[in-house]
Amino acid sequence: MALASLHQEVISAVMGRFLGWKFVEATREFGQLHGTCKWYVHLSFANYGNNFNVAMDVAVEHLI
């Protein structure tokens, strides 16, 4: 089973929750500026045969 297409389906579903955020396909990362901070939400995928796990991490960059 080709997992890349399923990864894309997950990303597309998450995009619907992050309207107004910039998505960078190469890094699978959403970003948005909030005042003097930039928020990032990153998706990563771990493949296991025909299954995969999705991990999401959040980071805040202070632009002061």
PDB file of N, CA and C in Angstrom:
ATOM      1  N   MET A   1       0.842  -1.187   0.000  1.00  0.00           N
ATOM      2  CA  MET A   1       0.000   0.000   0.000  1.00  0.00           C
ATOM      3  C   MET A   1       0.883   1.245   0.000  1.00  0.00           C
ATOM      4  N   ALA A   2       0.554   2.185  -0.833  1.00  0.00           N
ATOM      5  CA  ALA A   2       1.312   3.434  -0.914  1.00  0.00           C
ATOM      6  C   ALA A   2       0.850   4.365   0.205  1.00  0.00           C
ATOM      7  N   LEU A   3       1.724   4.583   1.169  1.00  0.00           N
ATOM      8  CA  LEU A   3       1.360   5.404   2.314  1.00  0.00           C
ATOM      9  C   LEU A   3       1.430   6.898   2.020  1.00  0.00           C
ATOM     10  N   ALA A   4       2.191   7.293   1.012  1.00  0.00           N
ATOM     11  CA  ALA A   4       2.330   8.717   0.700  1.00  0.00           C
ATOM     12  C   ALA A   4       0.979   9.365   0.410  1.00  0.00           C
ATOM     13  N   SER A   5       0.101   8.657  -0.266  1.00  0.00           N
ATOM     14  CA  SER A   5      -1.218   9.228  -0.563  1.00  0.00           C
ATOM     15  C   SER A   5      -2.055   9.362   0.708  1.00  0.00           C
ATOM     16  N   LEU A   6      -1.892   8.435   1.646  1.00  0.00           N
ATOM     17  CA  LEU A   6      -2.594   8.543   2.924  1.00  0.00           C
ATOM     18  C   LEU A   6      -2.024   9.687   3.768  1.00  0.00           C
ATOM     19  N   HIS A   7      -0.709   9.874   3.703  1.00  0.00           N
ATOM     20  CA  HIS A   7      -0.087  11.013   4.387  1.00  0.00           C
ATOM     21  C   HIS A   7      -0.710  12.312   3.871  1.00  0.00           C
ATOM     22  N   GLN A   8      -0.872  12.407   2.574  1.00  0.00           N
ATOM     23  CA  GLN A   8      -1.437  13.610   1.974  1.00  0.00           C
ATOM     24  C   GLN A   8      -2.885  13.825   2.404  1.00  0.00           C
ATOM     25  N   GLU A   9      -3.629  12.740   2.564  1.00  0.00           N
ATOM     26  CA  GLU A   9      -5.005  12.866   3.038  1.00  0.00           C
ATOM     27  C   GLU A   9      -5.049  13.420   4.453  1.00  0.00           C
ATOM     28  N   VAL A  10      -4.124  12.970   5.306  1.00  0.00           N
ATOM     29  CA  VAL A  10      -4.047  13.487   6.672  1.00  0.00           C
ATOM     30  C   VAL A  10      -3.712  14.976   6.647  1.00  0.00           C
ATOM     31  N   ILE A  11      -2.716  15.340   5.839  1.00  0.00           N
ATOM     32  CA  ILE A  11      -2.316  16.746   5.740  1.00  0.00           C
ATOM     33  C   ILE A  11      -3.491  17.597   5.257  1.00  0.00           C
ATOM     34  N   SER A  12      -4.213  17.126   4.272  1.00  0.00           N
ATOM     35  CA  SER A  12      -5.363  17.870   3.749  1.00  0.00           C
ATOM     36  C   SER A  12      -6.439  18.052   4.815  1.00  0.00           C
ATOM     37  N   ALA A  13      -6.664  17.016   5.621  1.00  0.00           N
ATOM     38  CA  ALA A  13      -7.654  17.112   6.690  1.00  0.00           C
ATOM     39  C   ALA A  13      -7.218  18.120   7.748  1.00  0.00           C
ATOM     40  N   VAL A  14      -5.926  18.137   8.074  1.00  0.00           N
ATOM     41  CA  VAL A  14      -5.409  19.070   9.069  1.00  0.00           C
ATOM     42  C   VAL A  14      -5.455  20.499   8.534  1.00  0.00           C
ATOM     43  N   MET A  15      -5.220  20.683   7.243  1.00  0.00           N
ATOM     44  CA  MET A  15      -5.262  22.026   6.631  1.00  0.00           C
ATOM     45  C   MET A  15      -6.601  22.702   6.886  1.00  0.00           C
ATOM     46  N   GLY A  16      -7.662  21.925   6.910  1.00  0.00           N
ATOM     47  CA  GLY A  16      -8.988  22.480   7.177  1.00  0.00           C
ATOM     48  C   GLY A  16      -9.118  23.059   8.569  1.00  0.00           C
ATOM     49  N   ARG A  17      -8.246  22.642   9.477  1.00  0.00           N
ATOM     50  CA  ARG A  17      -8.261  23.153  10.859  1.00  0.00           C
ATOM     51  C   ARG A  17      -7.332  24.346  11.048  1.00  0.00           C
ATOM     52  N   PHE A  18      -6.460  24.597  10.072  1.00  0.00           N
ATOM     53  CA  PHE A  18      -5.478  25.671  10.177  1.00  0.00           C
ATOM     54  C   PHE A  18      -5.682  26.714   9.072  1.00  0.00           C
ATOM     55  N   LEU A  19      -6.910  27.148   8.906  1.00  0.00           N
ATOM     56  CA  LEU A  19      -7.209  28.158   7.895  1.00  0.00           C
ATOM     57  C   LEU A  19      -6.479  29.453   8.245  1.00  0.00           C
ATOM     58  N   GLY A  20      -5.858  30.070   7.248  1.00  0.00           N
ATOM     59  CA  GLY A  20      -5.109  31.299   7.459  1.00  0.00           C
ATOM     60  C   GLY A  20      -3.650  31.064   7.821  1.00  0.00           C
ATOM     61  N   TRP A  21      -3.257  29.829   8.030  1.00  0.00           N
ATOM     62  CA  TRP A  21      -1.865  29.498   8.329  1.00  0.00           C
ATOM     63  C   TRP A  21      -1.151  29.171   7.025  1.00  0.00           C
ATOM     64  N   LYS A  22       0.130  29.512   6.950  1.00  0.00           N
ATOM     65  CA  LYS A  22       0.941  29.169   5.775  1.00  0.00           C
ATOM     66  C   LYS A  22       1.436  27.732   5.948  1.00  0.00           C
ATOM     67  N   PHE A  23       1.303  26.925   4.903  1.00  0.00           N
ATOM     68  CA  PHE A  23       1.790  25.546   4.946  1.00  0.00           C
ATOM     69  C   PHE A  23       2.986  25.406   4.020  1.00  0.00           C
ATOM     70  N   VAL A  24       4.063  24.827   4.528  1.00  0.00           N
ATOM     71  CA  VAL A  24       5.266  24.567   3.741  1.00  0.00           C
ATOM     72  C   VAL A  24       5.330  23.055   3.512  1.00  0.00           C
ATOM     73  N   GLU A  25       5.073  22.641   2.295  1.00  0.00           N
ATOM     74  CA  GLU A  25       5.010  21.213   1.954  1.00  0.00           C
ATOM     75  C   GLU A  25       6.327  20.488   2.235  1.00  0.00           C
ATOM     76  N   ALA A  26       7.455  21.124   1.905  1.00  0.00           N
ATOM     77  CA  ALA A  26       8.759  20.470   2.037  1.00  0.00           C
ATOM     78  C   ALA A  26       9.065  20.068   3.476  1.00  0.00           C
ATOM     79  N   THR A  27       8.569  20.850   4.435  1.00  0.00           N
ATOM     80  CA  THR A  27       8.851  20.554   5.851  1.00  0.00           C
ATOM     81  C   THR A  27       7.612  20.083   6.596  1.00  0.00           C
ATOM     82  N   ARG A  28       6.480  20.003   5.905  1.00  0.00           N
ATOM     83  CA  ARG A  28       5.203  19.609   6.507  1.00  0.00           C
ATOM     84  C   ARG A  28       4.914  20.453   7.743  1.00  0.00           C
ATOM     85  N   GLU A  29       4.996  21.750   7.542  1.00  0.00           N
ATOM     86  CA  GLU A  29       4.925  22.680   8.663  1.00  0.00           C
ATOM     87  C   GLU A  29       3.940  23.804   8.384  1.00  0.00           C
ATOM     88  N   PHE A  30       3.101  24.096   9.369  1.00  0.00           N
ATOM     89  CA  PHE A  30       2.203  25.234   9.331  1.00  0.00           C
ATOM     90  C   PHE A  30       2.851  26.348  10.137  1.00  0.00           C
ATOM     91  N   GLY A  31       2.680  27.592   9.717  1.00  0.00           N
ATOM     92  CA  GLY A  31       3.229  28.713  10.462  1.00  0.00           C
ATOM     93  C   GLY A  31       2.304  29.900  10.399  1.00  0.00           C
ATOM     94  N   GLN A  32       2.281  30.659  11.495  1.00  0.00           N
ATOM     95  CA  GLN A  32       1.463  31.873  11.519  1.00  0.00           C
ATOM     96  C   GLN A  32       2.061  32.850  12.525  1.00  0.00           C
ATOM     97  N   LEU A  33       2.048  34.130  12.157  1.00  0.00           N
ATOM     98  CA  LEU A  33       2.567  35.190  13.009  1.00  0.00           C
ATOM     99  C   LEU A  33       1.461  35.660  13.954  1.00  0.00           C
ATOM    100  N   HIS A  34       1.787  35.736  15.240  1.00  0.00           N
ATOM    101  CA  HIS A  34       0.878  36.237  16.276  1.00  0.00           C
ATOM    102  C   HIS A  34       1.622  37.306  17.051  1.00  0.00           C
ATOM    103  N   GLY A  35       1.406  38.563  16.716  1.00  0.00           N
ATOM    104  CA  GLY A  35       2.107  39.641  17.403  1.00  0.00           C
ATOM    105  C   GLY A  35       3.606  39.545  17.202  1.00  0.00           C
ATOM    106  N   THR A  36       4.351  39.394  18.296  1.00  0.00           N
ATOM    107  CA  THR A  36       5.815  39.276  18.218  1.00  0.00           C
ATOM    108  C   THR A  36       6.278  37.824  18.285  1.00  0.00           C
ATOM    109  N   CYS A  37       5.362  36.901  18.043  1.00  0.00           N
ATOM    110  CA  CYS A  37       5.705  35.475  18.067  1.00  0.00           C
ATOM    111  C   CYS A  37       5.273  34.819  16.759  1.00  0.00           C
ATOM    112  N   LYS A  38       6.033  33.842  16.340  1.00  0.00           N
ATOM    113  CA  LYS A  38       5.638  33.023  15.202  1.00  0.00           C
ATOM    114  C   LYS A  38       5.394  31.613  15.720  1.00  0.00           C
ATOM    115  N   TRP A  39       4.219  31.103  15.428  1.00  0.00           N
ATOM    116  CA  TRP A  39       3.825  29.776  15.861  1.00  0.00           C
ATOM    117  C   TRP A  39       4.043  28.789  14.716  1.00  0.00           C
ATOM    118  N   TYR A  40       4.529  27.613  15.064  1.00  0.00           N
ATOM    119  CA  TYR A  40       4.758  26.543  14.099  1.00  0.00           C
ATOM    120  C   TYR A  40       4.059  25.277  14.572  1.00  0.00           C
ATOM    121  N   VAL A  41       3.464  24.567  13.645  1.00  0.00           N
ATOM    122  CA  VAL A  41       2.911  23.241  13.907  1.00  0.00           C
ATOM    123  C   VAL A  41       3.480  22.323  12.837  1.00  0.00           C
ATOM    124  N   HIS A  42       4.183  21.285  13.278  1.00  0.00           N
ATOM    125  CA  HIS A  42       4.888  20.388  12.366  1.00  0.00           C
ATOM    126  C   HIS A  42       4.287  18.990  12.450  1.00  0.00           C
ATOM    127  N   LEU A  43       4.105  18.363  11.301  1.00  0.00           N
ATOM    128  CA  LEU A  43       3.629  16.978  11.232  1.00  0.00           C
ATOM    129  C   LEU A  43       4.770  16.072  10.808  1.00  0.00           C
ATOM    130  N   SER A  44       4.865  14.917  11.454  1.00  0.00           N
ATOM    131  CA  SER A  44       5.832  13.915  11.005  1.00  0.00           C
ATOM    132  C   SER A  44       5.130  12.562  10.963  1.00  0.00           C
ATOM    133  N   PHE A  45       5.609  11.712  10.090  1.00  0.00           N
ATOM    134  CA  PHE A  45       5.001  10.401   9.871  1.00  0.00           C
ATOM    135  C   PHE A  45       6.041   9.314  10.091  1.00  0.00           C
ATOM    136  N   ALA A  46       5.652   8.269  10.808  1.00  0.00           N
ATOM    137  CA  ALA A  46       6.506   7.098  11.016  1.00  0.00           C
ATOM    138  C   ALA A  46       5.790   5.904  10.396  1.00  0.00           C
ATOM    139  N   ASN A  47       6.382   5.340   9.358  1.00  0.00           N
ATOM    140  CA  ASN A  47       5.780   4.219   8.632  1.00  0.00           C
ATOM    141  C   ASN A  47       6.187   2.889   9.257  1.00  0.00           C
ATOM    142  N   TYR A  48       5.212   1.972   9.353  1.00  0.00           N
ATOM    143  CA  TYR A  48       5.429   0.615   9.875  1.00  0.00           C
ATOM    144  C   TYR A  48       4.692  -0.359   8.963  1.00  0.00           C
ATOM    145  N   GLY A  49       5.364  -0.808   7.934  1.00  0.00           N
ATOM    146  CA  GLY A  49       4.716  -1.723   6.990  1.00  0.00           C
ATOM    147  C   GLY A  49       3.573  -1.025   6.288  1.00  0.00           C
ATOM    148  N   ASN A  50       2.346  -1.530   6.492  1.00  0.00           N
ATOM    149  CA  ASN A  50       1.158  -0.924   5.875  1.00  0.00           C
ATOM    150  C   ASN A  50       0.475   0.091   6.781  1.00  0.00           C
ATOM    151  N   ASN A  51       1.073   0.406   7.916  1.00  0.00           N
ATOM    152  CA  ASN A  51       0.504   1.361   8.869  1.00  0.00           C
ATOM    153  C   ASN A  51       1.466   2.517   9.080  1.00  0.00           C
ATOM    154  N   PHE A  52       0.951   3.581   9.692  1.00  0.00           N
ATOM    155  CA  PHE A  52       1.827   4.693  10.044  1.00  0.00           C
ATOM    156  C   PHE A  52       1.266   5.439  11.243  1.00  0.00           C
ATOM    157  N   ASN A  53       2.139   6.112  11.956  1.00  0.00           N
ATOM    158  CA  ASN A  53       1.768   6.994  13.052  1.00  0.00           C
ATOM    159  C   ASN A  53       2.023   8.426  12.620  1.00  0.00           C
ATOM    160  N   VAL A  54       1.223   9.341  13.154  1.00  0.00           N
ATOM    161  CA  VAL A  54       1.407  10.754  12.890  1.00  0.00           C
ATOM    162  C   VAL A  54       1.736  11.427  14.218  1.00  0.00           C
ATOM    163  N   ALA A  55       2.783  12.230  14.220  1.00  0.00           N
ATOM    164  CA  ALA A  55       3.137  13.027  15.397  1.00  0.00           C
ATOM    165  C   ALA A  55       3.035  14.495  15.016  1.00  0.00           C
ATOM    166  N   MET A  56       2.554  15.296  15.956  1.00  0.00           N
ATOM    167  CA  MET A  56       2.427  16.731  15.733  1.00  0.00           C
ATOM    168  C   MET A  56       3.154  17.435  16.880  1.00  0.00           C
ATOM    169  N   ASP A  57       4.021  18.365  16.523  1.00  0.00           N
ATOM    170  CA  ASP A  57       4.689  19.149  17.557  1.00  0.00           C
ATOM    171  C   ASP A  57       4.485  20.637  17.275  1.00  0.00           C
ATOM    172  N   VAL A  58       4.558  21.403  18.350  1.00  0.00           N
ATOM    173  CA  VAL A  58       4.279  22.840  18.289  1.00  0.00           C
ATOM    174  C   VAL A  58       5.497  23.584  18.811  1.00  0.00           C
ATOM    175  N   ALA A  59       5.844  24.694  18.165  1.00  0.00           N
ATOM    176  CA  ALA A  59       6.945  25.537  18.617  1.00  0.00           C
ATOM    177  C   ALA A  59       6.524  26.996  18.495  1.00  0.00           C
ATOM    178  N   VAL A  60       7.085  27.821  19.366  1.00  0.00           N
ATOM    179  CA  VAL A  60       6.825  29.252  19.340  1.00  0.00           C
ATOM    180  C   VAL A  60       8.174  29.960  19.263  1.00  0.00           C
ATOM    181  N   GLU A  61       8.331  30.819  18.252  1.00  0.00           N
ATOM    182  CA  GLU A  61       9.554  31.607  18.077  1.00  0.00           C
ATOM    183  C   GLU A  61       9.252  33.050  18.495  1.00  0.00           C
ATOM    184  N   HIS A  62      10.005  33.558  19.445  1.00  0.00           N
ATOM    185  CA  HIS A  62       9.841  34.938  19.908  1.00  0.00           C
ATOM    186  C   HIS A  62      10.696  35.842  19.027  1.00  0.00           C
ATOM    187  N   LEU A  63      10.086  36.823  18.401  1.00  0.00           N
ATOM    188  CA  LEU A  63      10.745  37.671  17.427  1.00  0.00           C
ATOM    189  C   LEU A  63      11.123  39.045  17.997  1.00  0.00           C
ATOM    190  N   ILE A  64      11.450  39.103  19.240  1.00  0.00           N
ATOM    191  CA  ILE A  64      11.774  40.371  19.892  1.00  0.00           C
ATOM    192  C   ILE A  64      13.221  40.757  19.605  1.00  0.00           C
TER     193      ILE A  64
END
